């Protein structure tokens, strides 16, 4: 099983993009993932994942930093890969 998949879970009864982080450093941080974009405008043939999110809940003494953004990016990639494998019709692509 994918290691990233063990670092979050969907919040039951919430919107599809609402997740709770299980990773020890950011345990119980809740976020709502919004629009996800792939920016392929780079001249070096590399695409960048861009995403919007809202923080729903942050326990005391947890600071959201660059490592959090990297973890969230890994989680979003995991969610997208899972959707592509299991339910590709649920994904909407815009030009």
Protein backbone atom coordinates (compact mmCIF):
# COMPACT_ATOMS: atom_id res chain seq x y z
CA UNK A 1 0.00 0.00 0.00
CA UNK A 2 1.10 3.56 -0.71
CA UNK A 3 2.75 5.19 2.34
CA UNK A 4 1.05 8.52 1.65
CA UNK A 5 -2.37 6.87 1.87
CA UNK A 6 -1.70 6.21 5.57
CA UNK A 7 -1.10 9.92 6.26
CA UNK A 8 -4.68 11.13 5.76
CA UNK A 9 -8.31 10.12 5.69
CA UNK A 10 -11.48 11.58 4.24
CA UNK A 11 -13.66 13.31 6.82
CA UNK A 12 -16.84 11.23 7.01
CA UNK A 13 -19.98 13.11 6.12
CA UNK A 14 -18.05 16.08 4.73
CA UNK A 15 -17.37 17.28 1.19
CA UNK A 16 -15.25 15.01 -0.98
CA UNK A 17 -12.13 17.21 -0.72
CA UNK A 18 -12.24 17.47 3.08
CA UNK A 19 -9.47 15.43 4.71
CA UNK A 20 -7.86 15.05 8.12
CA UNK A 21 -4.09 14.61 8.32
CA UNK A 22 -2.88 11.57 10.27
CA UNK A 23 0.85 12.24 9.85
CA UNK A 24 2.44 12.67 13.29
CA UNK A 25 3.83 16.17 12.71
CA UNK A 26 0.45 17.55 11.51
CA UNK A 27 -1.90 15.15 13.27
CA UNK A 28 -5.57 16.19 13.18
CA UNK A 29 -5.11 19.19 10.89
CA UNK A 30 -8.20 19.31 8.69
CA UNK A 31 -8.24 20.87 5.23
CA UNK A 32 -10.65 21.29 2.36
CA UNK A 33 -8.98 20.79 -1.01
CA UNK A 34 -10.31 23.04 -3.74
CA UNK A 35 -9.32 23.49 -7.37
CA UNK A 36 -6.32 21.48 -8.60
CA UNK A 37 -4.34 22.57 -11.65
CA UNK A 38 -1.31 21.32 -13.51
CA UNK A 39 0.89 24.15 -14.76
CA UNK A 40 2.92 22.93 -17.73
CA UNK A 41 4.08 26.36 -18.90
CA UNK A 42 7.63 25.80 -17.70
CA UNK A 43 10.32 25.91 -20.38
CA UNK A 44 12.12 22.86 -18.92
CA UNK A 45 9.31 20.36 -19.73
CA UNK A 46 8.33 19.97 -16.08
CA UNK A 47 4.78 20.36 -14.83
CA UNK A 48 3.92 21.86 -11.46
CA UNK A 49 0.92 20.86 -9.36
CA UNK A 50 -1.02 23.91 -8.17
CA UNK A 51 -3.88 23.63 -5.72
CA UNK A 52 -6.15 25.67 -3.51
CA UNK A 53 -7.07 24.62 -0.01
CA UNK A 54 -8.70 26.01 3.09
CA UNK A 55 -7.57 25.07 6.56
CA UNK A 56 -10.59 23.89 8.53
CA UNK A 57 -8.91 23.04 11.81
CA UNK A 58 -5.42 23.27 13.33
CA UNK A 59 -4.70 21.84 16.79
CA UNK A 60 -2.73 24.06 19.15
CA UNK A 61 1.07 23.99 18.85
CA UNK A 62 1.05 22.88 15.20
CA UNK A 63 2.65 25.22 12.68
CA UNK A 64 1.79 24.85 9.01
CA UNK A 65 5.00 25.32 7.08
CA UNK A 66 6.61 24.37 3.76
CA UNK A 67 6.78 20.71 4.84
CA UNK A 68 3.02 20.79 5.32
CA UNK A 69 2.56 22.12 1.78
CA UNK A 70 4.80 19.34 0.46
CA UNK A 71 2.85 16.69 2.41
CA UNK A 72 -0.44 18.10 1.14
CA UNK A 73 0.90 18.00 -2.42
CA UNK A 74 1.84 14.32 -1.97
CA UNK A 75 -1.63 13.61 -0.57
CA UNK A 76 -3.31 15.33 -3.53
CA UNK A 77 -1.22 13.28 -5.97
CA UNK A 78 -2.25 10.13 -4.09
CA UNK A 79 -5.93 11.11 -4.25
CA UNK A 80 -5.66 11.81 -8.00
CA UNK A 81 -3.87 8.51 -8.66
CA UNK A 82 -6.51 6.62 -6.69
CA UNK A 83 -9.31 8.36 -8.61
CA UNK A 84 -7.65 7.57 -11.95
CA UNK A 85 -7.36 3.89 -10.97
CA UNK A 86 -10.76 3.42 -9.34
CA UNK A 87 -13.17 6.05 -10.66
CA UNK A 88 -11.75 8.04 -13.61
CA UNK A 89 -15.25 9.21 -14.61
CA UNK A 90 -15.44 11.27 -11.39
CA UNK A 91 -12.59 13.54 -12.51
CA UNK A 92 -13.40 16.67 -14.54
CA UNK A 93 -10.76 18.12 -16.79
CA UNK A 94 -10.87 21.71 -18.05
CA UNK A 95 -8.70 23.16 -20.77
